[in-house]
Protein backbone atom coordinates (compact mmCIF):
# COMPACT_ATOMS: atom_id res chain seq x y z
CA MET A 1 21.63 9.58 23.67
CA SER A 2 19.83 6.94 25.73
CA LEU A 3 18.54 3.67 24.33
CA VAL A 4 14.92 4.60 25.00
CA ARG A 5 15.32 7.83 23.10
CA ARG A 6 16.96 6.06 20.15
CA ILE A 7 14.15 3.53 20.00
CA GLY A 8 11.59 6.34 20.16
CA LEU A 9 13.30 8.18 17.33
CA ALA A 10 13.49 5.02 15.23
CA LEU A 11 9.78 4.28 15.77
CA THR A 12 8.88 7.87 14.93
CA ALA A 13 10.93 7.73 11.72
CA LEU A 14 9.33 4.41 10.79
CA SER A 15 5.84 5.80 11.42
CA VAL A 16 6.51 8.86 9.28
CA ALA A 17 7.88 6.68 6.47
CA ALA A 18 4.78 4.47 6.62
CA LEU A 19 2.49 7.49 6.49
CA VAL A 20 4.36 8.91 3.50
CA ALA A 21 4.19 5.58 1.63
CA ALA A 22 0.53 4.91 2.50
CA PRO A 23 -1.07 6.77 -0.44
CA ALA A 24 0.74 4.52 -2.92
CA ALA A 25 -0.74 1.47 -1.23
CA PHE A 26 -4.27 2.73 -1.90
CA ALA A 27 -3.81 3.28 -5.63
CA ALA A 28 -6.85 3.28 -7.90
CA GLY A 29 -8.02 0.12 -9.61
CA GLY A 30 -6.19 -2.30 -7.33
CA VAL A 31 -2.79 -1.48 -8.84
CA GLY A 32 -0.34 -0.54 -6.09
CA LEU A 33 3.41 -0.74 -5.72
CA GLY A 34 3.41 -4.51 -6.23
CA GLY A 35 1.28 -4.40 -9.36
CA ARG A 36 -2.23 -5.70 -9.84
CA THR A 37 -3.56 -7.84 -6.99
CA THR A 38 -4.30 -11.35 -8.24
CA ASP A 39 -5.16 -14.68 -6.67
CA LYS A 40 -1.62 -15.87 -7.37
CA SER A 41 -0.03 -12.95 -5.51
CA ILE A 42 -2.35 -13.46 -2.52
CA THR A 43 -1.59 -17.19 -2.47
CA PHE A 44 2.18 -16.61 -2.51
CA PHE A 45 1.88 -13.99 0.21
CA CYS A 46 -0.08 -16.41 2.39
CA PHE A 47 2.47 -19.16 1.75
CA GLY A 48 5.12 -16.71 2.91
CA VAL A 49 3.19 -16.03 6.12
CA ILE A 50 2.84 -19.79 6.72
CA ALA A 51 6.57 -20.28 6.15
CA LEU A 52 7.38 -17.41 8.51
CA PHE A 53 5.33 -18.90 11.34
CA MET A 54 6.88 -22.28 10.67
CA VAL A 55 10.50 -21.11 10.63
CA LEU A 56 10.32 -18.42 13.33
CA PRO A 57 9.63 -20.76 16.30
CA ILE A 58 12.36 -23.13 15.14
CA VAL A 59 14.94 -20.35 14.94
CA LEU A 60 13.88 -18.80 18.23
CA SER A 61 14.00 -22.22 19.94
CA LEU A 62 17.52 -22.80 18.65
CA ILE A 63 18.60 -19.41 19.96
CA GLN A 64 17.01 -20.12 23.34
CA ALA A 65 18.70 -23.54 23.59
CA ARG A 66 22.08 -22.00 22.87
CA LEU A 67 21.53 -19.28 25.47
CA GLU A 68 20.36 -21.83 28.06
CA GLY A 69 23.51 -23.90 27.46
CA ARG A 70 25.65 -20.83 27.89
CA LYS A 71 23.82 -19.93 31.11
CA GLU A 72 24.41 -23.43 32.50
CA ARG A 73 28.13 -23.31 31.63
CA VAL A 74 28.52 -19.96 33.37
CA ARG A 75 26.59 -21.24 36.40
CA GLU A 76 28.86 -24.31 36.65
CA GLN A 77 31.96 -22.13 36.41
CA MET A 78 30.64 -19.80 39.11
CA GLU A 79 29.90 -22.74 41.41
CA ARG A 80 33.35 -24.21 40.80
CA VAL A 81 35.07 -20.91 41.58
CA HIS A 82 33.00 -20.03 44.65
CA ARG A 83 33.09 -23.40 46.44
CA PRO A 84 33.84 -23.02 50.15
């Protein structure tokens, strides 16, 4: 099975799961799966979003720096091996 097909199947399964779980999210009276929606729950959710967008660039930058270092080491080794 090709990678594209696996990704398509995974996205389809995820979409179906989201559609099945959607009615519980629209429960009557503001009480869903997470309980009653309050100011405190909204505040903590927003703090989580702020933390995500603060930590995500840091982690991705660290990953990129490590990959760039690896690329440079490989390039130096290739130049050393292929010198005329």
